[in-house]
Amino acid sequence: MDFDNHGHQIIDVFDRLSPMIADKVGGPVLLVRVIGSRWSYVAGHVPDELPFVEPQRVMLVDEWAILYYPQAGHKIDPDEIRQLFLNVKKEDL
């Protein structure tokens, strides 16, 4: 089973991991689907006002990515985020 063919699975994993990632980065974390150059919102809490910082993009797999808005000094290594998703995915299989 892979995330590309089972969007509901990646949303479930995102729902479990996003609070932890948000705590590490100090801001909102969104799950997006990437189709070409378009990054479309799929899941995550969108605050009334997004922080005035450049969002960080982390590709997970071909069409899925995380977009997060870090507080100053709170960036997270993209590989760490990818590994979190892969670890949860393996536990679910």
PDB file of N, CA and C in Angstrom:
ATOM      1  N   MET A   1       0.852  -1.179   0.000  1.00  0.00           N
ATOM      2  CA  MET A   1       0.000   0.000   0.000  1.00  0.00           C
ATOM      3  C   MET A   1       0.896   1.240   0.000  1.00  0.00           C
ATOM      4  N   ASP A   2       0.571   2.231  -0.837  1.00  0.00           N
ATOM      5  CA  ASP A   2       1.376   3.441  -0.837  1.00  0.00           C
ATOM      6  C   ASP A   2       0.479   4.667  -0.745  1.00  0.00           C
ATOM      7  N   PHE A   3       1.067   5.784  -0.338  1.00  0.00           N
ATOM      8  CA  PHE A   3       0.302   6.999  -0.142  1.00  0.00           C
ATOM      9  C   PHE A   3      -0.320   7.500  -1.439  1.00  0.00           C
ATOM     10  N   ASP A   4       0.367   7.311  -2.582  1.00  0.00           N
ATOM     11  CA  ASP A   4      -0.140   7.845  -3.832  1.00  0.00           C
ATOM     12  C   ASP A   4      -1.512   7.294  -4.174  1.00  0.00           C
ATOM     13  N   ASN A   5      -1.739   6.032  -3.910  1.00  0.00           N
ATOM     14  CA  ASN A   5      -2.993   5.400  -4.286  1.00  0.00           C
ATOM     15  C   ASN A   5      -4.014   5.379  -3.155  1.00  0.00           C
ATOM     16  N   HIS A   6      -3.647   5.829  -1.992  1.00  0.00           N
ATOM     17  CA  HIS A   6      -4.543   5.800  -0.840  1.00  0.00           C
ATOM     18  C   HIS A   6      -4.475   7.122  -0.088  1.00  0.00           C
ATOM     19  N   GLY A   7      -5.073   8.165  -0.681  1.00  0.00           N
ATOM     20  CA  GLY A   7      -5.035   9.496  -0.093  1.00  0.00           C
ATOM     21  C   GLY A   7      -5.570   9.541   1.321  1.00  0.00           C
ATOM     22  N   HIS A   8      -6.602   8.713   1.613  1.00  0.00           N
ATOM     23  CA  HIS A   8      -7.155   8.713   2.966  1.00  0.00           C
ATOM     24  C   HIS A   8      -6.115   8.268   3.987  1.00  0.00           C
ATOM     25  N   GLN A   9      -5.205   7.387   3.586  1.00  0.00           N
ATOM     26  CA  GLN A   9      -4.166   6.912   4.512  1.00  0.00           C
ATOM     27  C   GLN A   9      -3.215   8.045   4.882  1.00  0.00           C
ATOM     28  N   ILE A  10      -2.782   8.813   3.906  1.00  0.00           N
ATOM     29  CA  ILE A  10      -1.852   9.906   4.216  1.00  0.00           C
ATOM     30  C   ILE A  10      -2.555  10.976   5.058  1.00  0.00           C
ATOM     31  N   ILE A  11      -3.847  11.185   4.847  1.00  0.00           N
ATOM     32  CA  ILE A  11      -4.581  12.151   5.664  1.00  0.00           C
ATOM     33  C   ILE A  11      -4.650  11.663   7.110  1.00  0.00           C
ATOM     34  N   ASP A  12      -4.896  10.379   7.304  1.00  0.00           N
ATOM     35  CA  ASP A  12      -4.920   9.816   8.660  1.00  0.00           C
ATOM     36  C   ASP A  12      -3.569   9.973   9.349  1.00  0.00           C
ATOM     37  N   VAL A  13      -2.494   9.690   8.625  1.00  0.00           N
ATOM     38  CA  VAL A  13      -1.144   9.832   9.186  1.00  0.00           C
ATOM     39  C   VAL A  13      -0.873  11.301   9.493  1.00  0.00           C
ATOM     40  N   PHE A  14      -1.250  12.190   8.574  1.00  0.00           N
ATOM     41  CA  PHE A  14      -1.071  13.622   8.793  1.00  0.00           C
ATOM     42  C   PHE A  14      -1.807  14.070  10.055  1.00  0.00           C
ATOM     43  N   ASP A  15      -3.045  13.607  10.225  1.00  0.00           N
ATOM     44  CA  ASP A  15      -3.825  13.995  11.406  1.00  0.00           C
ATOM     45  C   ASP A  15      -3.120  13.608  12.701  1.00  0.00           C
ATOM     46  N   ARG A  16      -2.413  12.477  12.671  1.00  0.00           N
ATOM     47  CA  ARG A  16      -1.685  12.035  13.876  1.00  0.00           C
ATOM     48  C   ARG A  16      -0.391  12.816  14.086  1.00  0.00           C
ATOM     49  N   LEU A  17       0.307  13.134  12.994  1.00  0.00           N
ATOM     50  CA  LEU A  17       1.631  13.748  13.111  1.00  0.00           C
ATOM     51  C   LEU A  17       1.619  15.280  13.140  1.00  0.00           C
ATOM     52  N   SER A  18       0.626  15.906  12.565  1.00  0.00           N
ATOM     53  CA  SER A  18       0.655  17.369  12.431  1.00  0.00           C
ATOM     54  C   SER A  18       0.752  18.112  13.763  1.00  0.00           C
ATOM     55  N   PRO A  19       0.088  17.672  14.850  1.00  0.00           N
ATOM     56  CA  PRO A  19       0.272  18.410  16.108  1.00  0.00           C
ATOM     57  C   PRO A  19       1.722  18.390  16.597  1.00  0.00           C
ATOM     58  N   MET A  20       2.390  17.260  16.436  1.00  0.00           N
ATOM     59  CA  MET A  20       3.785  17.158  16.861  1.00  0.00           C
ATOM     60  C   MET A  20       4.687  18.050  15.998  1.00  0.00           C
ATOM     61  N   ILE A  21       4.446  18.052  14.697  1.00  0.00           N
ATOM     62  CA  ILE A  21       5.250  18.883  13.790  1.00  0.00           C
ATOM     63  C   ILE A  21       4.983  20.358  14.093  1.00  0.00           C
ATOM     64  N   ALA A  22       3.721  20.713  14.316  1.00  0.00           N
ATOM     65  CA  ALA A  22       3.374  22.109  14.630  1.00  0.00           C
ATOM     66  C   ALA A  22       4.070  22.569  15.910  1.00  0.00           C
ATOM     67  N   ASP A  23       4.159  21.686  16.907  1.00  0.00           N
ATOM     68  CA  ASP A  23       4.869  22.036  18.146  1.00  0.00           C
ATOM     69  C   ASP A  23       6.343  22.311  17.875  1.00  0.00           C
ATOM     70  N   LYS A  24       6.954  21.506  17.000  1.00  0.00           N
ATOM     71  CA  LYS A  24       8.386  21.682  16.696  1.00  0.00           C
ATOM     72  C   LYS A  24       8.654  22.964  15.918  1.00  0.00           C
ATOM     73  N   VAL A  25       7.767  23.313  14.979  1.00  0.00           N
ATOM     74  CA  VAL A  25       8.013  24.475  14.129  1.00  0.00           C
ATOM     75  C   VAL A  25       7.359  25.742  14.660  1.00  0.00           C
ATOM     76  N   GLY A  26       6.449  25.595  15.612  1.00  0.00           N
ATOM     77  CA  GLY A  26       5.825  26.762  16.224  1.00  0.00           C
ATOM     78  C   GLY A  26       4.790  27.462  15.372  1.00  0.00           C
ATOM     79  N   GLY A  27       4.253  26.774  14.381  1.00  0.00           N
ATOM     80  CA  GLY A  27       3.250  27.397  13.518  1.00  0.00           C
ATOM     81  C   GLY A  27       2.399  26.369  12.801  1.00  0.00           C
ATOM     82  N   PRO A  28       1.495  26.832  11.957  1.00  0.00           N
ATOM     83  CA  PRO A  28       0.576  25.947  11.254  1.00  0.00           C
ATOM     84  C   PRO A  28       1.290  24.974  10.312  1.00  0.00           C
ATOM     85  N   VAL A  29       0.691  23.780  10.180  1.00  0.00           N
ATOM     86  CA  VAL A  29       1.202  22.741   9.294  1.00  0.00           C
ATOM     87  C   VAL A  29       0.040  22.286   8.424  1.00  0.00           C
ATOM     88  N   LEU A  30       0.243  22.268   7.120  1.00  0.00           N
ATOM     89  CA  LEU A  30      -0.818  21.903   6.187  1.00  0.00           C
ATOM     90  C   LEU A  30      -0.369  20.741   5.308  1.00  0.00           C
ATOM     91  N   LEU A  31      -1.309  19.875   4.964  1.00  0.00           N
ATOM     92  CA  LEU A  31      -1.072  18.811   4.000  1.00  0.00           C
ATOM     93  C   LEU A  31      -1.585  19.315   2.661  1.00  0.00           C
ATOM     94  N   VAL A  32      -0.773  19.171   1.630  1.00  0.00           N
ATOM     95  CA  VAL A  32      -1.165  19.633   0.298  1.00  0.00           C
ATOM     96  C   VAL A  32      -0.932  18.537  -0.728  1.00  0.00           C
ATOM     97  N   ARG A  33      -1.679  18.622  -1.804  1.00  0.00           N
ATOM     98  CA  ARG A  33      -1.486  17.724  -2.942  1.00  0.00           C
ATOM     99  C   ARG A  33      -0.856  18.554  -4.042  1.00  0.00           C
ATOM    100  N   VAL A  34       0.201  18.040  -4.626  1.00  0.00           N
ATOM    101  CA  VAL A  34       0.953  18.765  -5.638  1.00  0.00           C
ATOM    102  C   VAL A  34       0.651  18.155  -7.002  1.00  0.00           C
ATOM    103  N   ILE A  35       0.066  18.978  -7.865  1.00  0.00           N
ATOM    104  CA  ILE A  35      -0.221  18.543  -9.229  1.00  0.00           C
ATOM    105  C   ILE A  35       0.375  19.610 -10.144  1.00  0.00           C
ATOM    106  N   GLY A  36       1.485  19.258 -10.788  1.00  0.00           N
ATOM    107  CA  GLY A  36       2.209  20.236 -11.595  1.00  0.00           C
ATOM    108  C   GLY A  36       2.792  21.302 -10.692  1.00  0.00           C
ATOM    109  N   SER A  37       2.504  22.551 -10.995  1.00  0.00           N
ATOM    110  CA  SER A  37       3.013  23.643 -10.164  1.00  0.00           C
ATOM    111  C   SER A  37       1.991  24.079  -9.109  1.00  0.00           C
ATOM    112  N   ARG A  38       0.852  23.429  -9.086  1.00  0.00           N
ATOM    113  CA  ARG A  38      -0.215  23.798  -8.136  1.00  0.00           C
ATOM    114  C   ARG A  38      -0.113  23.004  -6.840  1.00  0.00           C
ATOM    115  N   TRP A  39      -0.107  23.719  -5.723  1.00  0.00           N
ATOM    116  CA  TRP A  39      -0.083  23.116  -4.389  1.00  0.00           C
ATOM    117  C   TRP A  39      -1.457  23.369  -3.786  1.00  0.00           C
ATOM    118  N   SER A  40      -2.269  22.318  -3.682  1.00  0.00           N
ATOM    119  CA  SER A  40      -3.657  22.451  -3.237  1.00  0.00           C
ATOM    120  C   SER A  40      -3.834  21.954  -1.804  1.00  0.00           C
ATOM    121  N   TYR A  41      -4.472  22.778  -0.988  1.00  0.00           N
ATOM    122  CA  TYR A  41      -4.754  22.434   0.409  1.00  0.00           C
ATOM    123  C   TYR A  41      -5.615  21.179   0.473  1.00  0.00           C
ATOM    124  N   VAL A  42      -5.253  20.265   1.401  1.00  0.00           N
ATOM    125  CA  VAL A  42      -6.037  19.054   1.635  1.00  0.00           C
ATOM    126  C   VAL A  42      -6.483  18.974   3.094  1.00  0.00           C
ATOM    127  N   ALA A  43      -5.567  19.196   4.031  1.00  0.00           N
ATOM    128  CA  ALA A  43      -5.912  19.038   5.449  1.00  0.00           C
ATOM    129  C   ALA A  43      -5.016  19.910   6.315  1.00  0.00           C
ATOM    130  N   GLY A  44      -5.478  20.141   7.533  1.00  0.00           N
ATOM    131  CA  GLY A  44      -4.720  20.930   8.501  1.00  0.00           C
ATOM    132  C   GLY A  44      -5.494  22.168   8.890  1.00  0.00           C
ATOM    133  N   HIS A  45      -5.237  22.646  10.095  1.00  0.00           N
ATOM    134  CA  HIS A  45      -5.920  23.834  10.596  1.00  0.00           C
ATOM    135  C   HIS A  45      -5.320  25.087   9.957  1.00  0.00           C
ATOM    136  N   VAL A  46      -6.170  25.850   9.301  1.00  0.00           N
ATOM    137  CA  VAL A  46      -5.744  27.114   8.701  1.00  0.00           C
ATOM    138  C   VAL A  46      -6.220  28.232   9.623  1.00  0.00           C
ATOM    139  N   PRO A  47      -5.289  28.937  10.270  1.00  0.00           N
ATOM    140  CA  PRO A  47      -5.699  30.018  11.169  1.00  0.00           C
ATOM    141  C   PRO A  47      -6.309  31.180  10.382  1.00  0.00           C
ATOM    142  N   ASP A  48      -7.009  32.049  11.088  1.00  0.00           N
ATOM    143  CA  ASP A  48      -7.616  33.218  10.438  1.00  0.00           C
ATOM    144  C   ASP A  48      -6.569  34.043   9.702  1.00  0.00           C
ATOM    145  N   GLU A  49      -5.390  34.146  10.296  1.00  0.00           N
ATOM    146  CA  GLU A  49      -4.283  34.870   9.661  1.00  0.00           C
ATOM    147  C   GLU A  49      -3.046  33.985   9.694  1.00  0.00           C
ATOM    148  N   LEU A  50      -2.457  33.760   8.524  1.00  0.00           N
ATOM    149  CA  LEU A  50      -1.221  32.985   8.472  1.00  0.00           C
ATOM    150  C   LEU A  50      -0.059  33.850   8.926  1.00  0.00           C
ATOM    151  N   PRO A  51       0.927  33.265   9.583  1.00  0.00           N
ATOM    152  CA  PRO A  51       2.098  34.039  10.010  1.00  0.00           C
ATOM    153  C   PRO A  51       2.773  34.713   8.818  1.00  0.00           C
ATOM    154  N   PHE A  52       3.375  35.834   9.079  1.00  0.00           N
ATOM    155  CA  PHE A  52       4.059  36.585   8.025  1.00  0.00           C
ATOM    156  C   PHE A  52       5.490  36.080   7.884  1.00  0.00           C
ATOM    157  N   VAL A  53       5.613  34.811   7.471  1.00  0.00           N
ATOM    158  CA  VAL A  53       6.908  34.192   7.211  1.00  0.00           C
ATOM    159  C   VAL A  53       6.776  33.372   5.931  1.00  0.00           C
ATOM    160  N   GLU A  54       7.904  33.095   5.312  1.00  0.00           N
ATOM    161  CA  GLU A  54       7.871  32.273   4.107  1.00  0.00           C
ATOM    162  C   GLU A  54       7.564  30.825   4.493  1.00  0.00           C
ATOM    163  N   PRO A  55       6.538  30.232   3.889  1.00  0.00           N
ATOM    164  CA  PRO A  55       6.231  28.841   4.213  1.00  0.00           C
ATOM    165  C   PRO A  55       7.332  27.907   3.719  1.00  0.00           C
ATOM    166  N   GLN A  56       7.562  26.857   4.457  1.00  0.00           N
ATOM    167  CA  GLN A  56       8.553  25.853   4.094  1.00  0.00           C
ATOM    168  C   GLN A  56       7.826  24.673   3.453  1.00  0.00           C
ATOM    169  N   ARG A  57       8.378  24.149   2.377  1.00  0.00           N
ATOM    170  CA  ARG A  57       7.758  23.050   1.641  1.00  0.00           C
ATOM    171  C   ARG A  57       8.584  21.794   1.791  1.00  0.00           C
ATOM    172  N   VAL A  58       7.894  20.676   2.072  1.00  0.00           N
ATOM    173  CA  VAL A  58       8.560  19.385   2.216  1.00  0.00           C
ATOM    174  C   VAL A  58       7.792  18.366   1.385  1.00  0.00           C
ATOM    175  N   MET A  59       8.399  17.879   0.318  1.00  0.00           N
ATOM    176  CA  MET A  59       7.776  16.824  -0.488  1.00  0.00           C
ATOM    177  C   MET A  59       7.846  15.509   0.284  1.00  0.00           C
ATOM    178  N   LEU A  60       6.719  14.795   0.347  1.00  0.00           N
ATOM    179  CA  LEU A  60       6.681  13.496   1.009  1.00  0.00           C
ATOM    180  C   LEU A  60       6.829  12.381  -0.023  1.00  0.00           C
ATOM    181  N   VAL A  61       5.923  12.348  -0.968  1.00  0.00           N
ATOM    182  CA  VAL A  61       5.959  11.424  -2.107  1.00  0.00           C
ATOM    183  C   VAL A  61       5.487  12.207  -3.313  1.00  0.00           C
ATOM    184  N   ASP A  62       5.418  11.565  -4.453  1.00  0.00           N
ATOM    185  CA  ASP A  62       5.173  12.256  -5.720  1.00  0.00           C
ATOM    186  C   ASP A  62       4.153  13.398  -5.674  1.00  0.00           C
ATOM    187  N   GLU A  63       2.970  13.162  -5.152  1.00  0.00           N
ATOM    188  CA  GLU A  63       1.931  14.196  -5.194  1.00  0.00           C
ATOM    189  C   GLU A  63       1.546  14.749  -3.827  1.00  0.00           C
ATOM    190  N   TRP A  64       2.273  14.407  -2.795  1.00  0.00           N
ATOM    191  CA  TRP A  64       1.907  14.839  -1.454  1.00  0.00           C
ATOM    192  C   TRP A  64       3.053  15.605  -0.801  1.00  0.00           C
ATOM    193  N   ALA A  65       2.685  16.671  -0.092  1.00  0.00           N
ATOM    194  CA  ALA A  65       3.703  17.501   0.559  1.00  0.00           C
ATOM    195  C   ALA A  65       3.128  18.132   1.828  1.00  0.00           C
ATOM    196  N   ILE A  66       4.038  18.631   2.638  1.00  0.00           N
ATOM    197  CA  ILE A  66       3.703  19.380   3.848  1.00  0.00           C
ATOM    198  C   ILE A  66       4.144  20.820   3.607  1.00  0.00           C
ATOM    199  N   LEU A  67       3.314  21.741   4.022  1.00  0.00           N
ATOM    200  CA  LEU A  67       3.630  23.165   3.977  1.00  0.00           C
ATOM    201  C   LEU A  67       3.523  23.642   5.420  1.00  0.00           C
ATOM    202  N   TYR A  68       4.587  24.284   5.931  1.00  0.00           N
ATOM    203  CA  TYR A  68       4.512  24.767   7.314  1.00  0.00           C
ATOM    204  C   TYR A  68       5.086  26.167   7.433  1.00  0.00           C
ATOM    205  N   TYR A  69       4.622  26.862   8.459  1.00  0.00           N
ATOM    206  CA  TYR A  69       4.999  28.247   8.719  1.00  0.00           C
ATOM    207  C   TYR A  69       5.763  28.296  10.037  1.00  0.00           C
ATOM    208  N   PRO A  70       7.096  28.305   9.984  1.00  0.00           N
ATOM    209  CA  PRO A  70       7.882  28.222  11.217  1.00  0.00           C
ATOM    210  C   PRO A  70       8.025  29.567  11.935  1.00  0.00           C
ATOM    211  N   GLN A  71       8.138  29.485  13.258  1.00  0.00           N
ATOM    212  CA  GLN A  71       8.564  30.648  14.022  1.00  0.00           C
ATOM    213  C   GLN A  71      10.055  30.795  13.778  1.00  0.00           C
ATOM    214  N   ALA A  72      10.588  31.968  14.046  1.00  0.00           N
ATOM    215  CA  ALA A  72      12.020  32.217  13.854  1.00  0.00           C
ATOM    216  C   ALA A  72      12.841  31.144  14.571  1.00  0.00           C
ATOM    217  N   GLY A  73      13.761  30.536  13.848  1.00  0.00           N
ATOM    218  CA  GLY A  73      14.657  29.539  14.422  1.00  0.00           C
ATOM    219  C   GLY A  73      14.050  28.168  14.639  1.00  0.00           C
ATOM    220  N   HIS A  74      12.870  27.898  14.080  1.00  0.00           N
ATOM    221  CA  HIS A  74      12.198  26.623  14.318  1.00  0.00           C
ATOM    222  C   HIS A  74      12.021  25.777  13.057  1.00  0.00           C
ATOM    223  N   LYS A  75      12.921  25.872  12.118  1.00  0.00           N
ATOM    224  CA  LYS A  75      12.826  25.009  10.941  1.00  0.00           C
ATOM    225  C   LYS A  75      13.137  23.577  11.347  1.00  0.00           C
ATOM    226  N   ILE A  76      12.606  22.643  10.578  1.00  0.00           N
ATOM    227  CA  ILE A  76      12.832  21.227  10.845  1.00  0.00           C
ATOM    228  C   ILE A  76      13.426  20.605   9.577  1.00  0.00           C
ATOM    229  N   ASP A  77      14.307  19.673   9.732  1.00  0.00           N
ATOM    230  CA  ASP A  77      14.947  19.013   8.601  1.00  0.00           C
ATOM    231  C   ASP A  77      13.885  18.269   7.790  1.00  0.00           C
ATOM    232  N   PRO A  78      13.769  18.543   6.482  1.00  0.00           N
ATOM    233  CA  PRO A  78      12.773  17.864   5.654  1.00  0.00           C
ATOM    234  C   PRO A  78      12.850  16.336   5.741  1.00  0.00           C
ATOM    235  N   ASP A  79      14.069  15.799   5.850  1.00  0.00           N
ATOM    236  CA  ASP A  79      14.211  14.346   5.962  1.00  0.00           C
ATOM    237  C   ASP A  79      13.582  13.819   7.246  1.00  0.00           C
ATOM    238  N   GLU A  80      13.610  14.620   8.314  1.00  0.00           N
ATOM    239  CA  GLU A  80      12.994  14.209   9.573  1.00  0.00           C
ATOM    240  C   GLU A  80      11.477  14.082   9.403  1.00  0.00           C
ATOM    241  N   ILE A  81      10.873  15.022   8.694  1.00  0.00           N
ATOM    242  CA  ILE A  81       9.431  14.956   8.446  1.00  0.00           C
ATOM    243  C   ILE A  81       9.096  13.748   7.576  1.00  0.00           C
ATOM    244  N   ARG A  82       9.860  13.556   6.506  1.00  0.00           N
ATOM    245  CA  ARG A  82       9.617  12.396   5.636  1.00  0.00           C
ATOM    246  C   ARG A  82       9.722  11.091   6.417  1.00  0.00           C
ATOM    247  N   GLN A  83      10.728  10.986   7.276  1.00  0.00           N
ATOM    248  CA  GLN A  83      10.945   9.767   8.050  1.00  0.00           C
ATOM    249  C   GLN A  83       9.794   9.519   9.023  1.00  0.00           C
ATOM    250  N   LEU A  84       9.261  10.577   9.634  1.00  0.00           N
ATOM    251  CA  LEU A  84       8.103  10.424  10.513  1.00  0.00           C
ATOM    252  C   LEU A  84       6.938   9.782   9.765  1.00  0.00           C
ATOM    253  N   PHE A  85       6.683  10.256   8.547  1.00  0.00           N
ATOM    254  CA  PHE A  85       5.588   9.704   7.750  1.00  0.00           C
ATOM    255  C   PHE A  85       5.861   8.258   7.350  1.00  0.00           C
ATOM    256  N   LEU A  86       7.088   7.963   6.971  1.00  0.00           N
ATOM    257  CA  LEU A  86       7.420   6.593   6.583  1.00  0.00           C
ATOM    258  C   LEU A  86       7.305   5.645   7.762  1.00  0.00           C
ATOM    259  N   ASN A  87       7.733   6.073   8.944  1.00  0.00           N
ATOM    260  CA  ASN A  87       7.653   5.223  10.135  1.00  0.00           C
ATOM    261  C   ASN A  87       6.213   4.911  10.494  1.00  0.00           C
ATOM    262  N   VAL A  88       5.338   5.905  10.463  1.00  0.00           N
ATOM    263  CA  VAL A  88       3.929   5.662  10.784  1.00  0.00           C
ATOM    264  C   VAL A  88       3.310   4.773   9.721  1.00  0.00           C
ATOM    265  N   LYS A  89       3.658   5.005   8.469  1.00  0.00           N
ATOM    266  CA  LYS A  89       3.122   4.203   7.371  1.00  0.00           C
ATOM    267  C   LYS A  89       3.492   2.726   7.575  1.00  0.00           C
ATOM    268  N   LYS A  90       4.728   2.423   7.957  1.00  0.00           N
ATOM    269  CA  LYS A  90       5.155   1.058   8.163  1.00  0.00           C
ATOM    270  C   LYS A  90       4.400   0.400   9.324  1.00  0.00           C
ATOM    271  N   GLU A  91       4.147   1.183  10.389  1.00  0.00           N
ATOM    272  CA  GLU A  91       3.412   0.659  11.540  1.00  0.00           C
ATOM    273  C   GLU A  91       1.987   0.275  11.158  1.00  0.00           C
ATOM    274  N   ASP A  92       1.386   0.985  10.209  1.00  0.00           N
ATOM    275  CA  ASP A  92       0.010   0.737   9.818  1.00  0.00           C
ATOM    276  C   ASP A  92      -0.152  -0.476   8.914  1.00  0.00           C
ATOM    277  N   LEU A  93       0.928  -0.907   8.265  1.00  0.00           N
ATOM    278  CA  LEU A  93       0.810  -2.023   7.315  1.00  0.00           C
ATOM    279  C   LEU A  93       0.735  -3.347   8.026  1.00  0.00           C
TER     280      LEU A  93
END
